[in-house]
């Protein structure tokens, strides 16, 4: 059974409202998380805050276009939401690449600079209470002296490798931003889809009224 124009209008309004809610949630969750990560990793969360702000503002135009049945506003919003959807997809990909896959690269680069006189891994080993990339044996395999940063204040060796600890830390810290990012993308898809259908409906009604 075909959907009535009124139902499409309500669905478009609903998804626009959800976009506003998710926009606010994106801002709040990323603002909370951004202070807990390293400054060099804050840019991508800042971009999510910007996306959430723009989506929140755009949602008002979507709701206005649906209520007033404005073809111009509705199509402008649909195009804008498509752009924001593309940006959200790119950000999710960059987010995964940066936090989920860059940890190993960072550790490999630091370990490559490690010598018996220069502890290039100290930054990570002290912060995450770990030793080596995968485990303590990394130093033995590379014929390197185990550095002091592999020991806690009681001179006990850290047992876990830094890669595992970094991934666990990022997973716990960034669970909220990652979840709200996926939810925002899904709602943006719905908002774009139903707003586009609504725009086509308004245009068809306008054409019929012209005859």
N, C-alpha and C. Protein backbone atom coordinates (compact mmCIF):
# COMPACT_ATOMS: atom_id res chain seq x y z
N UNK A 1 0.86 -1.20 0.00
CA UNK A 1 0.00 0.00 0.00
C UNK A 1 0.89 1.24 0.00
N UNK A 2 0.57 2.19 -0.88
CA UNK A 2 1.36 3.41 -0.99
C UNK A 2 1.17 4.28 0.24
N UNK A 3 2.23 4.95 0.63
CA UNK A 3 2.16 5.86 1.77
C UNK A 3 1.48 7.15 1.36
N UNK A 4 0.67 7.69 2.25
CA UNK A 4 -0.01 8.95 1.99
C UNK A 4 0.97 10.10 2.19
N UNK A 5 0.74 11.23 1.53
CA UNK A 5 1.60 12.40 1.72
C UNK A 5 1.70 12.83 3.18
N UNK A 6 0.59 12.66 3.93
CA UNK A 6 0.60 13.05 5.34
C UNK A 6 1.55 12.17 6.15
N UNK A 7 1.55 10.86 5.85
CA UNK A 7 2.45 9.95 6.56
C UNK A 7 3.90 10.27 6.25
N UNK A 8 4.19 10.54 5.00
CA UNK A 8 5.56 10.90 4.60
C UNK A 8 6.00 12.18 5.30
N UNK A 9 5.06 13.11 5.40
CA UNK A 9 5.34 14.39 6.08
C UNK A 9 5.68 14.16 7.54
N UNK A 10 4.92 13.31 8.21
CA UNK A 10 5.17 13.02 9.62
C UNK A 10 6.49 12.27 9.82
N UNK A 11 6.79 11.34 8.91
CA UNK A 11 8.05 10.60 9.00
C UNK A 11 9.25 11.51 8.79
N UNK A 12 9.14 12.42 7.83
CA UNK A 12 10.22 13.38 7.58
C UNK A 12 10.43 14.26 8.80
N UNK A 13 9.32 14.71 9.39
CA UNK A 13 9.40 15.54 10.60
C UNK A 13 10.03 14.76 11.74
N UNK A 14 9.64 13.49 11.89
CA UNK A 14 10.17 12.66 12.97
C UNK A 14 11.68 12.48 12.85
N UNK A 15 12.16 12.16 11.65
CA UNK A 15 13.60 11.96 11.47
C UNK A 15 14.37 13.27 11.62
N UNK A 16 13.76 14.37 11.23
CA UNK A 16 14.41 15.67 11.45
C UNK A 16 14.53 15.97 12.94
N UNK A 17 13.48 15.62 13.68
CA UNK A 17 13.52 15.81 15.14
C UNK A 17 14.60 14.93 15.77
N UNK A 18 14.69 13.68 15.29
CA UNK A 18 15.71 12.77 15.80
C UNK A 18 17.12 13.27 15.46
N UNK A 19 17.25 13.91 14.31
CA UNK A 19 18.54 14.51 13.94
C UNK A 19 18.94 15.59 14.94
N UNK A 20 17.96 16.38 15.36
CA UNK A 20 18.23 17.42 16.35
C UNK A 20 18.70 16.81 17.66
N UNK A 21 18.01 15.74 18.08
CA UNK A 21 18.37 15.06 19.33
C UNK A 21 19.76 14.45 19.23
N UNK A 22 20.04 13.75 18.11
CA UNK A 22 21.35 13.13 17.93
C UNK A 22 22.44 14.18 17.76
N UNK A 23 22.09 15.33 17.18
CA UNK A 23 23.06 16.41 17.05
C UNK A 23 23.52 16.89 18.41
N UNK A 24 22.56 17.08 19.32
CA UNK A 24 22.88 17.50 20.69
C UNK A 24 23.70 16.42 21.40
N UNK A 25 23.28 15.15 21.24
CA UNK A 25 23.99 14.04 21.88
C UNK A 25 25.43 13.95 21.38
N UNK A 26 25.62 14.18 20.07
CA UNK A 26 26.96 14.15 19.50
C UNK A 26 27.85 15.22 20.12
N UNK A 27 27.29 16.42 20.27
CA UNK A 27 28.04 17.53 20.86
C UNK A 27 28.44 17.20 22.30
N UNK A 28 27.47 16.78 23.10
CA UNK A 28 27.70 16.54 24.53
C UNK A 28 28.70 15.42 24.76
N UNK A 29 28.49 14.28 24.09
CA UNK A 29 29.35 13.11 24.31
C UNK A 29 30.79 13.38 23.87
N UNK A 30 30.96 14.07 22.76
CA UNK A 30 32.32 14.35 22.28
C UNK A 30 33.01 15.43 23.11
N UNK A 31 32.24 16.38 23.64
CA UNK A 31 32.83 17.39 24.53
C UNK A 31 33.34 16.73 25.80
N UNK A 32 32.59 15.75 26.32
CA UNK A 32 33.01 15.02 27.52
C UNK A 32 34.28 14.21 27.25
N UNK A 33 34.34 13.57 26.07
CA UNK A 33 35.46 12.69 25.76
C UNK A 33 36.72 13.45 25.34
N UNK A 34 36.57 14.63 24.79
CA UNK A 34 37.70 15.33 24.18
C UNK A 34 38.75 15.73 25.21
N UNK A 35 38.34 15.97 26.45
CA UNK A 35 39.28 16.36 27.49
C UNK A 35 40.06 15.18 28.06
N UNK A 36 39.65 13.97 27.70
CA UNK A 36 40.28 12.79 28.27
C UNK A 36 41.29 12.13 27.33
N UNK A 37 41.46 12.68 26.15
CA UNK A 37 42.41 12.10 25.20
C UNK A 37 43.55 13.07 24.94
N UNK A 38 44.61 12.57 24.33
CA UNK A 38 45.79 13.39 24.06
C UNK A 38 45.42 14.53 23.11
N UNK A 39 46.05 15.72 23.28
CA UNK A 39 45.75 16.88 22.43
C UNK A 39 45.86 16.59 20.94
N UNK A 40 46.82 15.76 20.55
CA UNK A 40 47.00 15.47 19.12
C UNK A 40 45.89 14.59 18.55
N UNK A 41 45.08 13.99 19.44
CA UNK A 41 43.97 13.15 18.99
C UNK A 41 42.62 13.85 19.09
N UNK A 42 42.62 15.12 19.49
CA UNK A 42 41.37 15.82 19.75
C UNK A 42 40.70 16.38 18.50
N UNK A 43 41.46 16.51 17.42
CA UNK A 43 40.91 17.14 16.21
C UNK A 43 39.69 16.42 15.68
N UNK A 44 39.76 15.10 15.61
CA UNK A 44 38.65 14.34 15.01
C UNK A 44 37.39 14.45 15.86
N UNK A 45 37.54 14.50 17.20
CA UNK A 45 36.37 14.68 18.06
C UNK A 45 35.82 16.10 17.91
N UNK A 46 36.72 17.05 17.70
CA UNK A 46 36.29 18.42 17.45
C UNK A 46 35.48 18.52 16.17
N UNK A 47 35.87 17.74 15.16
CA UNK A 47 35.12 17.72 13.90
C UNK A 47 33.73 17.13 14.11
N UNK A 48 33.64 16.11 14.97
CA UNK A 48 32.33 15.54 15.28
C UNK A 48 31.44 16.54 16.00
N UNK A 49 32.04 17.35 16.87
CA UNK A 49 31.27 18.40 17.56
C UNK A 49 30.71 19.39 16.54
N UNK A 50 31.53 19.73 15.55
CA UNK A 50 31.09 20.65 14.50
C UNK A 50 29.95 20.03 13.68
N UNK A 51 30.09 18.75 13.34
CA UNK A 51 29.04 18.05 12.58
C UNK A 51 27.74 18.01 13.37
N UNK A 52 27.84 17.68 14.66
CA UNK A 52 26.64 17.64 15.51
C UNK A 52 25.95 18.99 15.57
N UNK A 53 26.75 20.06 15.64
CA UNK A 53 26.18 21.41 15.70
C UNK A 53 25.45 21.77 14.41
N UNK A 54 26.08 21.43 13.28
CA UNK A 54 25.47 21.75 11.99
C UNK A 54 24.19 20.95 11.77
N UNK A 55 24.24 19.66 12.10
CA UNK A 55 23.05 18.80 11.95
C UNK A 55 21.92 19.31 12.83
N UNK A 56 22.25 19.73 14.04
CA UNK A 56 21.23 20.27 14.96
C UNK A 56 20.55 21.50 14.36
N UNK A 57 21.34 22.42 13.79
CA UNK A 57 20.78 23.62 13.19
C UNK A 57 19.98 23.30 11.92
N UNK A 58 20.51 22.39 11.11
CA UNK A 58 19.82 22.03 9.87
C UNK A 58 18.46 21.38 10.14
N UNK A 59 18.36 20.64 11.23
CA UNK A 59 17.11 19.93 11.51
C UNK A 59 15.93 20.88 11.65
N UNK A 60 16.18 22.10 12.10
CA UNK A 60 15.10 23.08 12.23
C UNK A 60 14.57 23.46 10.84
N UNK A 61 15.47 23.58 9.86
CA UNK A 61 15.03 23.88 8.50
C UNK A 61 14.24 22.72 7.92
N UNK A 62 14.66 21.48 8.26
CA UNK A 62 13.92 20.32 7.79
C UNK A 62 12.52 20.27 8.35
N UNK A 63 12.41 20.56 9.65
CA UNK A 63 11.08 20.57 10.28
C UNK A 63 10.22 21.70 9.72
N UNK A 64 10.83 22.87 9.49
CA UNK A 64 10.10 24.01 8.94
C UNK A 64 9.60 23.68 7.53
N UNK A 65 10.47 23.08 6.72
CA UNK A 65 10.06 22.73 5.36
C UNK A 65 8.92 21.74 5.33
N UNK A 66 8.95 20.77 6.28
CA UNK A 66 7.89 19.76 6.34
C UNK A 66 6.57 20.37 6.77
N UNK A 67 6.62 21.23 7.78
CA UNK A 67 5.39 21.83 8.32
C UNK A 67 4.78 22.82 7.34
N UNK A 68 5.62 23.68 6.74
CA UNK A 68 5.14 24.72 5.83
C UNK A 68 4.98 24.22 4.39
N UNK A 69 5.39 22.97 4.15
CA UNK A 69 5.32 22.38 2.81
C UNK A 69 6.03 23.25 1.78
N UNK A 70 7.21 23.71 2.17
CA UNK A 70 8.03 24.55 1.29
C UNK A 70 8.96 23.67 0.46
N UNK A 71 8.78 23.71 -0.84
CA UNK A 71 9.61 22.90 -1.74
C UNK A 71 11.06 23.36 -1.70
N UNK A 72 11.27 24.67 -1.72
CA UNK A 72 12.62 25.22 -1.73
C UNK A 72 13.40 24.82 -0.47
N UNK A 73 12.77 25.01 0.69
CA UNK A 73 13.43 24.68 1.97
C UNK A 73 13.65 23.18 2.08
N UNK A 74 12.66 22.40 1.65
CA UNK A 74 12.76 20.95 1.75
C UNK A 74 13.90 20.40 0.92
N UNK A 75 14.03 20.86 -0.34
CA UNK A 75 15.11 20.37 -1.20
C UNK A 75 16.47 20.88 -0.74
N UNK A 76 16.51 22.12 -0.26
CA UNK A 76 17.78 22.66 0.26
C UNK A 76 18.25 21.84 1.45
N UNK A 77 17.28 21.48 2.30
CA UNK A 77 17.63 20.67 3.47
C UNK A 77 18.09 19.27 3.05
N UNK A 78 17.40 18.67 2.08
CA UNK A 78 17.75 17.32 1.63
C UNK A 78 19.18 17.29 1.10
N UNK A 79 19.54 18.30 0.30
CA UNK A 79 20.89 18.37 -0.25
C UNK A 79 21.92 18.59 0.86
N UNK A 80 21.59 19.47 1.79
CA UNK A 80 22.49 19.73 2.92
C UNK A 80 22.69 18.48 3.77
N UNK A 81 21.60 17.73 3.98
CA UNK A 81 21.70 16.52 4.78
C UNK A 81 22.51 15.45 4.07
N UNK A 82 22.42 15.41 2.74
CA UNK A 82 23.24 14.47 1.97
C UNK A 82 24.72 14.78 2.17
N UNK A 83 25.05 16.06 2.14
CA UNK A 83 26.45 16.47 2.36
C UNK A 83 26.91 16.06 3.76
N UNK A 84 26.06 16.30 4.77
CA UNK A 84 26.42 15.94 6.14
C UNK A 84 26.52 14.42 6.31
N UNK A 85 25.70 13.68 5.58
CA UNK A 85 25.77 12.22 5.62
C UNK A 85 27.10 11.73 5.08
N UNK A 86 27.52 12.30 3.97
CA UNK A 86 28.82 11.92 3.38
C UNK A 86 29.95 12.25 4.35
N UNK A 87 29.88 13.43 4.97
CA UNK A 87 30.91 13.82 5.94
C UNK A 87 30.92 12.86 7.13
N UNK A 88 29.75 12.46 7.60
CA UNK A 88 29.66 11.53 8.73
C UNK A 88 30.29 10.18 8.39
N UNK A 89 30.03 9.69 7.18
CA UNK A 89 30.61 8.41 6.74
C UNK A 89 32.13 8.50 6.68
N UNK A 90 32.63 9.60 6.12
CA UNK A 90 34.08 9.80 6.04
C UNK A 90 34.69 9.88 7.43
N UNK A 91 34.02 10.60 8.35
CA UNK A 91 34.53 10.74 9.72
C UNK A 91 34.57 9.39 10.44
N UNK A 92 33.56 8.56 10.23
CA UNK A 92 33.56 7.24 10.85
C UNK A 92 34.73 6.41 10.35
N UNK A 93 35.03 6.51 9.06
CA UNK A 93 36.17 5.78 8.48
C UNK A 93 37.48 6.32 9.05
N UNK A 94 37.61 7.64 9.09
CA UNK A 94 38.82 8.26 9.63
C UNK A 94 38.97 7.94 11.12
N UNK A 95 37.86 7.94 11.83
CA UNK A 95 37.85 7.61 13.26
C UNK A 95 38.44 6.22 13.48
N UNK A 96 37.99 5.26 12.69
CA UNK A 96 38.47 3.89 12.83
C UNK A 96 39.95 3.81 12.48
N UNK A 97 40.34 4.44 11.40
CA UNK A 97 41.74 4.41 10.97
C UNK A 97 42.64 5.05 12.02
N UNK A 98 42.19 6.16 12.58
CA UNK A 98 43.04 6.92 13.49
C UNK A 98 43.21 6.22 14.83
N UNK A 99 42.10 5.78 15.41
CA UNK A 99 42.19 5.22 16.76
C UNK A 99 42.36 3.70 16.78
N UNK A 100 41.76 3.01 15.84
CA UNK A 100 41.81 1.55 15.87
C UNK A 100 43.05 0.97 15.19
N UNK A 101 43.59 1.67 14.19
CA UNK A 101 44.70 1.12 13.43
C UNK A 101 46.00 1.90 13.59
N UNK A 102 45.91 3.14 14.06
CA UNK A 102 47.12 3.96 14.18
C UNK A 102 47.95 3.62 15.40
N UNK A 103 47.37 2.94 16.39
CA UNK A 103 48.10 2.62 17.62
C UNK A 103 49.33 1.78 17.32
N UNK A 104 49.18 0.76 16.49
CA UNK A 104 50.31 -0.10 16.15
C UNK A 104 51.40 0.68 15.44
N UNK A 105 51.01 1.56 14.53
CA UNK A 105 51.99 2.37 13.79
C UNK A 105 52.79 3.26 14.74
N UNK A 106 52.10 3.90 15.68
CA UNK A 106 52.77 4.77 16.64
C UNK A 106 53.78 3.99 17.47
N UNK A 107 53.38 2.81 17.92
CA UNK A 107 54.26 2.00 18.76
C UNK A 107 55.46 1.48 17.96
N UNK A 108 55.21 1.07 16.73
CA UNK A 108 56.31 0.58 15.88
C UNK A 108 57.32 1.68 15.61
N UNK A 109 56.83 2.90 15.37
CA UNK A 109 57.73 4.02 15.14
C UNK A 109 58.56 4.34 16.38
N UNK A 110 57.92 4.30 17.56
CA UNK A 110 58.63 4.57 18.81
C UNK A 110 59.64 3.47 19.11
N UNK A 111 59.22 2.23 18.93
CA UNK A 111 60.12 1.11 19.22
C UNK A 111 61.32 1.10 18.27
N UNK A 112 61.09 1.58 17.05
CA UNK A 112 62.19 1.65 16.08
C UNK A 112 63.27 2.63 16.50
N UNK A 113 62.91 3.60 17.35
CA UNK A 113 63.88 4.59 17.83
C UNK A 113 64.48 4.21 19.19
N UNK A 114 64.00 3.08 19.73
CA UNK A 114 64.46 2.65 21.05
C UNK A 114 65.91 2.18 21.01
N UNK A 115 66.72 2.64 21.95
CA UNK A 115 68.11 2.19 22.11
C UNK A 115 68.36 1.93 23.59
N UNK A 116 69.54 1.46 23.91
CA UNK A 116 69.88 1.21 25.31
C UNK A 116 70.07 2.49 26.10
N UNK A 117 70.22 3.61 25.38
CA UNK A 117 70.43 4.89 26.07
C UNK A 117 69.27 5.87 25.87
N UNK A 118 68.35 5.56 24.97
CA UNK A 118 67.22 6.44 24.70
C UNK A 118 65.93 5.64 24.76
N UNK A 119 65.05 5.99 25.70
CA UNK A 119 63.79 5.26 25.90
C UNK A 119 62.67 5.95 25.13
N UNK A 120 62.54 5.63 23.84
CA UNK A 120 61.52 6.24 22.99
C UNK A 120 60.12 5.73 23.32
N UNK A 121 60.04 4.59 24.01
CA UNK A 121 58.75 4.01 24.38
C UNK A 121 58.22 4.52 25.71
N UNK A 122 59.00 5.35 26.39
CA UNK A 122 58.63 5.78 27.74
C UNK A 122 57.26 6.45 27.80
N UNK A 123 56.97 7.29 26.79
CA UNK A 123 55.70 8.01 26.78
C UNK A 123 54.52 7.07 26.88
N UNK A 124 54.54 5.98 26.11
CA UNK A 124 53.44 5.03 26.07
C UNK A 124 53.47 4.08 27.28
N UNK A 125 54.66 3.64 27.66
CA UNK A 125 54.77 2.65 28.74
C UNK A 125 54.39 3.24 30.10
N UNK A 126 54.69 4.51 30.30
CA UNK A 126 54.30 5.15 31.55
C UNK A 126 52.81 5.46 31.58
N UNK A 127 52.29 5.92 30.43
CA UNK A 127 50.88 6.30 30.38
C UNK A 127 49.95 5.09 30.50
N UNK A 128 50.30 4.00 29.78
CA UNK A 128 49.40 2.85 29.74
C UNK A 128 49.85 1.70 30.64
N UNK A 129 50.95 1.91 31.37
CA UNK A 129 51.46 0.89 32.31
C UNK A 129 51.66 -0.44 31.60
N UNK A 130 52.54 -0.41 30.61
CA UNK A 130 52.76 -1.57 29.76
C UNK A 130 54.24 -1.69 29.43
N UNK A 131 54.60 -2.73 28.70
CA UNK A 131 56.00 -2.93 28.34
C UNK A 131 56.11 -3.56 26.96
N UNK A 132 56.80 -2.90 26.04
CA UNK A 132 56.95 -3.40 24.68
C UNK A 132 55.69 -3.19 23.85
N UNK A 133 55.77 -3.56 22.58
CA UNK A 133 54.60 -3.45 21.71
C UNK A 133 53.59 -4.54 22.06
N UNK A 134 54.07 -5.77 22.07
CA UNK A 134 53.20 -6.90 22.37
C UNK A 134 53.44 -7.46 23.78
N UNK A 135 54.71 -7.46 24.20
CA UNK A 135 55.07 -7.98 25.52
C UNK A 135 56.53 -7.65 25.81
N UNK A 136 56.97 -8.00 27.00
CA UNK A 136 58.34 -7.74 27.43
C UNK A 136 59.37 -8.38 26.49
N UNK A 137 59.03 -9.51 25.93
CA UNK A 137 59.96 -10.26 25.07
C UNK A 137 60.40 -9.46 23.85
N UNK A 138 59.66 -8.40 23.51
CA UNK A 138 60.05 -7.56 22.36
C UNK A 138 61.46 -7.01 22.56
N UNK A 139 61.78 -6.63 23.78
CA UNK A 139 63.11 -6.08 24.06
C UNK A 139 64.19 -7.16 23.98
N UNK A 140 63.87 -8.34 24.47
CA UNK A 140 64.83 -9.43 24.43
C UNK A 140 65.10 -9.85 22.99
N UNK A 141 64.06 -9.91 22.20
CA UNK A 141 64.21 -10.28 20.78
C UNK A 141 65.03 -9.26 20.01
N UNK A 142 64.94 -7.98 20.42
CA UNK A 142 65.68 -6.91 19.74
C UNK A 142 67.04 -6.65 20.38
N UNK A 143 67.40 -7.48 21.37
CA UNK A 143 68.69 -7.34 22.08
C UNK A 143 68.82 -5.96 22.72
N UNK A 144 67.72 -5.51 23.33
CA UNK A 144 67.71 -4.22 24.01
C UNK A 144 67.49 -4.42 25.51
N UNK A 145 68.05 -3.51 26.28
CA UNK A 145 67.85 -3.53 27.72
C UNK A 145 66.44 -3.09 28.05
N UNK A 146 65.80 -3.79 28.97
CA UNK A 146 64.44 -3.41 29.38
C UNK A 146 64.53 -2.06 30.10
N UNK A 147 63.85 -1.02 29.60
CA UNK A 147 63.96 0.32 30.19
C UNK A 147 63.23 0.45 31.52
N UNK A 148 63.57 1.48 32.26
CA UNK A 148 62.96 1.71 33.58
C UNK A 148 61.47 2.02 33.47
N UNK A 149 61.02 2.51 32.31
CA UNK A 149 59.61 2.84 32.14
C UNK A 149 58.73 1.60 32.09
N UNK A 150 59.36 0.40 32.02
CA UNK A 150 58.61 -0.85 32.06
C UNK A 150 58.31 -1.30 33.49
N UNK A 151 58.80 -0.51 34.45
CA UNK A 151 58.60 -0.87 35.86
C UNK A 151 57.67 0.13 36.54
N UNK A 152 56.87 -0.37 37.47
CA UNK A 152 56.03 0.53 38.26
C UNK A 152 56.82 1.11 39.43
N UNK A 153 56.18 1.86 40.31
CA UNK A 153 56.88 2.52 41.42
C UNK A 153 57.45 1.53 42.43
N UNK A 154 56.96 0.28 42.37
CA UNK A 154 57.47 -0.76 43.29
C UNK A 154 58.46 -1.68 42.59
N UNK A 155 58.94 -1.25 41.42
CA UNK A 155 59.91 -2.01 40.63
C UNK A 155 59.38 -3.37 40.15
N UNK A 156 58.06 -3.45 39.93
CA UNK A 156 57.49 -4.63 39.32
C UNK A 156 57.30 -4.38 37.82
N UNK A 157 57.65 -5.37 37.00
CA UNK A 157 57.52 -5.24 35.56
C UNK A 157 56.05 -5.27 35.13
N UNK A 158 55.72 -4.40 34.18
CA UNK A 158 54.39 -4.47 33.57
C UNK A 158 54.34 -5.70 32.68
N UNK A 159 53.29 -6.47 32.77
CA UNK A 159 53.20 -7.72 32.03
C UNK A 159 52.60 -7.57 30.64
N UNK A 160 51.70 -6.62 30.49
CA UNK A 160 50.97 -6.50 29.22
C UNK A 160 51.68 -5.60 28.23
N UNK A 161 51.50 -5.89 26.95
CA UNK A 161 52.07 -5.07 25.90
C UNK A 161 51.27 -3.79 25.72
N UNK A 162 51.91 -2.79 25.15
CA UNK A 162 51.27 -1.48 25.02
C UNK A 162 50.14 -1.46 23.99
N UNK A 163 50.24 -2.29 22.95
CA UNK A 163 49.21 -2.29 21.92
C UNK A 163 47.86 -2.69 22.51
N UNK A 164 47.86 -3.75 23.30
CA UNK A 164 46.61 -4.21 23.94
C UNK A 164 46.06 -3.15 24.88
N UNK A 165 46.93 -2.54 25.67
CA UNK A 165 46.50 -1.54 26.64
C UNK A 165 45.96 -0.28 25.95
N UNK A 166 46.61 0.13 24.87
CA UNK A 166 46.16 1.31 24.13
C UNK A 166 44.80 1.07 23.49
N UNK A 167 44.64 -0.10 22.88
CA UNK A 167 43.36 -0.42 22.23
C UNK A 167 42.23 -0.52 23.25
N UNK A 168 42.52 -1.10 24.41
CA UNK A 168 41.51 -1.20 25.46
C UNK A 168 41.13 0.17 25.99
N UNK A 169 42.14 1.02 26.18
CA UNK A 169 41.91 2.38 26.66
C UNK A 169 41.04 3.17 25.68
N UNK A 170 41.39 3.11 24.40
CA UNK A 170 40.62 3.84 23.38
C UNK A 170 39.21 3.29 23.25
N UNK A 171 39.08 1.97 23.37
CA UNK A 171 37.76 1.34 23.22
C UNK A 171 36.83 1.81 24.33
N UNK A 172 37.33 1.87 25.56
CA UNK A 172 36.51 2.29 26.69
C UNK A 172 36.21 3.79 26.62
N UNK A 173 37.24 4.57 26.29
CA UNK A 173 37.08 6.02 26.29
C UNK A 173 36.21 6.51 25.15
N UNK A 174 36.33 5.86 23.99
CA UNK A 174 35.67 6.35 22.79
C UNK A 174 34.43 5.55 22.42
N UNK A 175 33.96 4.72 23.35
CA UNK A 175 32.76 3.93 23.08
C UNK A 175 31.56 4.83 22.80
N UNK A 176 31.40 5.87 23.61
CA UNK A 176 30.28 6.80 23.43
C UNK A 176 30.34 7.55 22.12
N UNK A 177 31.47 8.24 21.80
CA UNK A 177 31.56 8.94 20.52
C UNK A 177 31.36 8.04 19.31
N UNK A 178 31.90 6.82 19.40
CA UNK A 178 31.76 5.90 18.27
C UNK A 178 30.30 5.47 18.08
N UNK A 179 29.63 5.17 19.19
CA UNK A 179 28.23 4.73 19.13
C UNK A 179 27.32 5.84 18.60
N UNK A 180 27.50 7.06 19.13
CA UNK A 180 26.64 8.16 18.70
C UNK A 180 26.94 8.54 17.25
N UNK A 181 28.18 8.30 16.80
CA UNK A 181 28.53 8.56 15.41
C UNK A 181 27.76 7.65 14.46
N UNK A 182 27.68 6.36 14.81
CA UNK A 182 26.91 5.41 13.99
C UNK A 182 25.42 5.72 14.02
N UNK A 183 24.91 6.07 15.19
CA UNK A 183 23.49 6.40 15.31
C UNK A 183 23.15 7.63 14.49
N UNK A 184 24.02 8.64 14.54
CA UNK A 184 23.79 9.86 13.77
C UNK A 184 23.74 9.56 12.29
N UNK A 185 24.65 8.70 11.81
CA UNK A 185 24.68 8.36 10.39
C UNK A 185 23.38 7.69 9.96
N UNK A 186 22.88 6.76 10.78
CA UNK A 186 21.65 6.05 10.45
C UNK A 186 20.46 7.02 10.39
N UNK A 187 20.36 7.92 11.37
CA UNK A 187 19.27 8.88 11.38
C UNK A 187 19.38 9.86 10.22
N UNK A 188 20.60 10.23 9.86
CA UNK A 188 20.79 11.11 8.70
C UNK A 188 20.30 10.45 7.42
N UNK A 189 20.54 9.15 7.30
CA UNK A 189 20.05 8.41 6.13
C UNK A 189 18.52 8.47 6.07
N UNK A 190 17.89 8.24 7.22
CA UNK A 190 16.43 8.31 7.27
C UNK A 190 15.90 9.70 6.97
N UNK A 191 16.55 10.73 7.55
CA UNK A 191 16.12 12.11 7.31
C UNK A 191 16.26 12.49 5.85
N UNK A 192 17.37 12.12 5.24
CA UNK A 192 17.59 12.43 3.83
C UNK A 192 16.57 11.71 2.95
N UNK A 193 16.35 10.43 3.24
CA UNK A 193 15.43 9.62 2.42
C UNK A 193 14.02 10.18 2.45
N UNK A 194 13.48 10.39 3.64
CA UNK A 194 12.09 10.83 3.74
C UNK A 194 11.91 12.30 3.34
N UNK A 195 12.94 13.11 3.55
CA UNK A 195 12.85 14.51 3.11
C UNK A 195 12.87 14.57 1.58
N UNK A 196 13.67 13.71 0.96
CA UNK A 196 13.70 13.66 -0.51
C UNK A 196 12.35 13.21 -1.06
N UNK A 197 11.78 12.17 -0.45
CA UNK A 197 10.45 11.70 -0.86
C UNK A 197 9.42 12.80 -0.66
N UNK A 198 9.55 13.52 0.46
CA UNK A 198 8.62 14.62 0.74
C UNK A 198 8.75 15.73 -0.30
N UNK A 199 9.98 16.03 -0.70
CA UNK A 199 10.20 17.05 -1.72
C UNK A 199 9.57 16.67 -3.05
N UNK A 200 9.70 15.39 -3.41
CA UNK A 200 9.09 14.90 -4.64
C UNK A 200 7.56 14.99 -4.53
N UNK A 201 7.03 14.65 -3.37
CA UNK A 201 5.58 14.71 -3.14
C UNK A 201 5.06 16.14 -3.28
N UNK A 202 5.77 17.09 -2.65
CA UNK A 202 5.36 18.49 -2.75
C UNK A 202 5.39 18.97 -4.20
N UNK A 203 6.42 18.57 -4.93
CA UNK A 203 6.54 19.00 -6.33
C UNK A 203 5.41 18.41 -7.17
N UNK A 204 5.07 17.13 -6.94
CA UNK A 204 3.98 16.51 -7.70
C UNK A 204 2.64 17.17 -7.40
N UNK A 205 2.42 17.50 -6.12
CA UNK A 205 1.17 18.17 -5.74
C UNK A 205 1.09 19.55 -6.37
N UNK A 206 2.21 20.22 -6.45
CA UNK A 206 2.25 21.55 -7.06
C UNK A 206 1.92 21.46 -8.55
N UNK A 207 2.46 20.43 -9.20
CA UNK A 207 2.18 20.25 -10.62
C UNK A 207 0.71 19.93 -10.88
N UNK A 208 0.15 19.07 -10.00
CA UNK A 208 -1.27 18.73 -10.18
C UNK A 208 -2.17 19.93 -9.96
N UNK A 209 -1.79 20.80 -8.99
CA UNK A 209 -2.64 21.97 -8.72
C UNK A 209 -2.54 23.00 -9.82
N UNK A 210 -1.49 22.89 -10.65
CA UNK A 210 -1.31 23.86 -11.73
C UNK A 210 -2.24 23.57 -12.92
N UNK A 211 -2.74 22.32 -12.98
CA UNK A 211 -3.62 21.97 -14.10
C UNK A 211 -5.07 22.33 -13.80
